[in-house]
C-alpha atoms as a PDB file:
ATOM      1  CA  MET A   1      -5.739  -8.050  15.786  1.00  0.00           C
ATOM      2  CA  SER A   2      -7.792  -7.740  12.798  1.00  0.00           C
ATOM      3  CA  ALA A   3      -6.342  -4.608   9.934  1.00  0.00           C
ATOM      4  CA  GLY A   4      -7.932  -1.513   9.864  1.00  0.00           C
ATOM      5  CA  HIS A   5      -9.598  -0.124   7.064  1.00  0.00           C
ATOM      6  CA  TRP A   6      -8.938   2.566   4.357  1.00  0.00           C
ATOM      7  CA  ASP A   7     -10.091   3.463   1.053  1.00  0.00           C
ATOM      8  CA  PHE A   8      -7.354   5.268  -1.197  1.00  0.00           C
ATOM      9  CA  TYR A   9      -7.223   8.016  -3.927  1.00  0.00           C
ATOM     10  CA  ILE A  10      -5.279   7.835  -7.254  1.00  0.00           C
ATOM     11  CA  GLU A  11      -5.031  11.003  -9.488  1.00  0.00           C
ATOM     12  CA  GLN A  12      -3.797   9.135 -12.590  1.00  0.00           C
ATOM     13  CA  GLY A  13      -0.436  10.901 -13.707  1.00  0.00           C
ATOM     14  CA  VAL A  14       0.492  12.704 -10.673  1.00  0.00           C
ATOM     15  CA  ASP A  15       3.093  11.692  -8.351  1.00  0.00           C
ATOM     16  CA  TRP A  16       0.840   9.676  -5.498  1.00  0.00           C
ATOM     17  CA  GLY A  17       2.061   8.932  -1.819  1.00  0.00           C
ATOM     18  CA  LYS A  18       0.460   7.386   1.003  1.00  0.00           C
ATOM     19  CA  GLN A  19       2.943   6.941   4.604  1.00  0.00           C
ATOM     20  CA  ILE A  20       1.688   4.330   7.444  1.00  0.00           C
ATOM     21  CA  THR A  21       2.986   4.311  10.974  1.00  0.00           C
ATOM     22  CA  TRP A  22       1.933   0.968  13.101  1.00  0.00           C
ATOM     23  CA  LYS A  23       1.030   1.173  15.852  1.00  0.00           C
ATOM     24  CA  ASP A  24       0.520  -0.995  19.539  1.00  0.00           C
ATOM     25  CA  SER A  25      -2.277  -0.610  21.394  1.00  0.00           C
ATOM     26  CA  ALA A  26      -0.325   2.055  23.640  1.00  0.00           C
ATOM     27  CA  LYS A  27       0.185   4.791  21.173  1.00  0.00           C
ATOM     28  CA  ALA A  28       3.975   3.481  20.667  1.00  0.00           C
ATOM     29  CA  PHE A  29       6.028   2.823  17.777  1.00  0.00           C
ATOM     30  CA  ILE A  30       6.077  -0.944  16.775  1.00  0.00           C
ATOM     31  CA  ILE A  31      10.129  -0.998  15.516  1.00  0.00           C
ATOM     32  CA  THR A  32       9.735  -2.934  11.706  1.00  0.00           C
ATOM     33  CA  SER A  33      13.562  -2.844  11.762  1.00  0.00           C
ATOM     34  CA  GLY A  34      14.298  -6.106   9.404  1.00  0.00           C
ATOM     35  CA  TYR A  35      10.124  -5.583   7.778  1.00  0.00           C
ATOM     36  CA  THR A  36       8.880  -6.152   4.321  1.00  0.00           C
ATOM     37  CA  ALA A  37       6.169  -4.550   3.188  1.00  0.00           C
ATOM     38  CA  ASP A  38       3.490  -5.482   0.140  1.00  0.00           C
ATOM     39  CA  MET A  39       0.367  -4.576  -1.154  1.00  0.00           C
ATOM     40  CA  GLN A  40      -1.711  -5.931  -4.526  1.00  0.00           C
ATOM     41  CA  VAL A  41      -5.430  -4.553  -6.183  1.00  0.00           C
ATOM     42  CA  ARG A  42      -7.392  -5.809  -8.020  1.00  0.00           C
ATOM     43  CA  ALA A  43     -10.706  -5.388  -9.202  1.00  0.00           C
ATOM     44  CA  SER A  44     -12.424  -7.617  -6.393  1.00  0.00           C
ATOM     45  CA  ARG A  45     -10.533 -10.504  -4.203  1.00  0.00           C
ATOM     46  CA  ARG A  46     -11.727 -13.492  -6.250  1.00  0.00           C
ATOM     47  CA  SER A  47      -9.841 -12.135  -9.244  1.00  0.00           C
ATOM     48  CA  SER A  48      -6.242 -13.162 -10.730  1.00  0.00           C
ATOM     49  CA  SER A  49      -5.662 -10.020 -12.657  1.00  0.00           C
ATOM     50  CA  ILE A  50      -3.312  -7.928 -10.409  1.00  0.00           C
ATOM     51  CA  LEU A  51      -4.225  -4.223 -11.567  1.00  0.00           C
ATOM     52  CA  VAL A  52      -0.806  -2.616  -9.522  1.00  0.00           C
ATOM     53  CA  GLU A  53       1.520  -3.895  -6.861  1.00  0.00           C
ATOM     54  CA  LEU A  54       3.235  -2.621  -4.213  1.00  0.00           C
ATOM     55  CA  SER A  55       5.510  -3.769  -2.532  1.00  0.00           C
ATOM     56  CA  THR A  56       9.498  -3.258  -0.307  1.00  0.00           C
ATOM     57  CA  SER A  57      11.019  -5.394  -3.430  1.00  0.00           C
ATOM     58  CA  ASN A  58       9.960  -3.464  -5.867  1.00  0.00           C
ATOM     59  CA  ASP A  59      10.753  -0.397  -3.889  1.00  0.00           C
ATOM     60  CA  ARG A  60       8.046   1.091  -4.078  1.00  0.00           C
ATOM     61  CA  ILE A  61       6.932   0.652  -0.667  1.00  0.00           C
ATOM     62  CA  THR A  62       9.869   1.642   1.518  1.00  0.00           C
ATOM     63  CA  VAL A  63      10.256   1.020   5.386  1.00  0.00           C
ATOM     64  CA  THR A  64      11.286   3.358   8.070  1.00  0.00           C
ATOM     65  CA  GLY A  65      12.132   0.975  10.994  1.00  0.00           C
ATOM     66  CA  ALA A  66      12.256   2.813  15.088  1.00  0.00           C
ATOM     67  CA  SER A  67       9.288   4.748  13.314  1.00  0.00           C
ATOM     68  CA  GLY A  68       7.221   1.954  12.566  1.00  0.00           C
ATOM     69  CA  LEU A  69       6.932   4.229   9.288  1.00  0.00           C
ATOM     70  CA  PHE A  70       5.986   2.168   5.851  1.00  0.00           C
ATOM     71  CA  THR A  71       5.796   4.957   2.987  1.00  0.00           C
ATOM     72  CA  LEU A  72       4.061   3.675  -0.304  1.00  0.00           C
ATOM     73  CA  SER A  73       4.940   5.423  -3.547  1.00  0.00           C
ATOM     74  CA  LEU A  74       4.259   5.971  -7.550  1.00  0.00           C
ATOM     75  CA  THR A  75       5.789   8.323  -9.602  1.00  0.00           C
ATOM     76  CA  ALA A  76       3.722  10.361 -12.233  1.00  0.00           C
ATOM     77  CA  VAL A  77       4.425   7.579 -14.830  1.00  0.00           C
ATOM     78  CA  GLU A  78       2.848   4.656 -12.651  1.00  0.00           C
ATOM     79  CA  THR A  79      -0.163   6.844 -11.866  1.00  0.00           C
ATOM     80  CA  ARG A  80      -0.380   7.739 -15.663  1.00  0.00           C
ATOM     81  CA  ALA A  81      -0.365   3.916 -16.573  1.00  0.00           C
ATOM     82  CA  LEU A  82      -2.820   2.450 -14.226  1.00  0.00           C
ATOM     83  CA  ASP A  83      -6.253   1.773 -16.197  1.00  0.00           C
ATOM     84  CA  PHE A  84      -9.046   0.231 -13.885  1.00  0.00           C
ATOM     85  CA  ASP A  85     -11.954   2.450 -11.762  1.00  0.00           C
ATOM     86  CA  THR A  86     -11.655   1.161  -8.756  1.00  0.00           C
ATOM     87  CA  GLY A  87     -10.007  -1.956  -6.559  1.00  0.00           C
ATOM     88  CA  VAL A  88      -9.634  -2.696  -4.117  1.00  0.00           C
ATOM     89  CA  TYR A  89      -6.583  -4.187  -2.395  1.00  0.00           C
ATOM     90  CA  ASP A  90      -4.600  -4.722   1.176  1.00  0.00           C
ATOM     91  CA  PHE A  91      -1.115  -3.684   2.653  1.00  0.00           C
ATOM     92  CA  GLU A  92       0.520  -6.702   4.332  1.00  0.00           C
ATOM     93  CA  VAL A  93       4.488  -6.614   6.717  1.00  0.00           C
ATOM     94  CA  THR A  94       6.042  -8.641   6.671  1.00  0.00           C
ATOM     95  CA  SER A  95       8.895  -9.305  10.239  1.00  0.00           C
ATOM     96  CA  ALA A  96      12.640 -10.438   9.722  1.00  0.00           C
ATOM     97  CA  ALA A  97      11.148 -13.940  11.509  1.00  0.00           C
ATOM     98  CA  GLY A  98       8.223 -14.598   8.763  1.00  0.00           C
ATOM     99  CA  MET A  99       5.249 -13.156  10.671  1.00  0.00           C
ATOM    100  CA  VAL A 100       2.649 -11.942   8.899  1.00  0.00           C
ATOM    101  CA  TYR A 101      -0.348  -9.314   9.478  1.00  0.00           C
ATOM    102  CA  ARG A 102      -2.399  -7.761   7.505  1.00  0.00           C
ATOM    103  CA  LEU A 103      -2.857  -3.509   8.546  1.00  0.00           C
ATOM    104  CA  LEU A 104      -5.104  -2.478   6.796  1.00  0.00           C
ATOM    105  CA  GLU A 105      -7.442  -3.568   3.713  1.00  0.00           C
ATOM    106  CA  GLY A 106     -10.364  -1.352   1.562  1.00  0.00           C
ATOM    107  CA  ASN A 107     -11.072   0.093  -1.603  1.00  0.00           C
ATOM    108  CA  ILE A 108      -8.897   2.116  -4.332  1.00  0.00           C
ATOM    109  CA  THR A 109     -10.478   4.502  -6.812  1.00  0.00           C
ATOM    110  CA  LEU A 110      -8.108   5.701 -10.207  1.00  0.00           C
ATOM    111  CA  SER A 111      -9.257   9.631 -11.046  1.00  0.00           C
ATOM    112  CA  LYS A 112      -8.519   9.283 -14.861  1.00  0.00           C
ATOM    113  CA  GLU A 113      -6.443  11.997 -15.964  1.00  0.00           C
ATOM    114  CA  VAL A 114      -7.884  14.587 -18.590  1.00  0.00           C
ATOM    115  CA  THR A 115      -4.414  16.285 -19.667  1.00  0.00           C
ATOM    116  CA  ARG A 116      -2.131  14.743 -20.422  1.00  0.00           C
END
């Protein structure tokens, strides 16, 4: 399975969130109970610096196992602290058995806040 491509747009200084539903080829929800998820944003694929990280361990990603739903979120305080123009990301999930799947990848654009 190849990762899907989805570009994100984040507005600085406001709450941000996305929901990702994982389905199989027959459009049935993949049960993700016990899964963890990680997403890192970097300036480029080769960059060693992480611009922002979302994961189940830092509570920026939640998993709703029965419906295959992953919810990504950043608070207004967290987006206000972001300081980049564009970046790249990938979104990976890990099953309870340790199987890793890259579900999405793409670009992220940060719209800088004017009202502060």
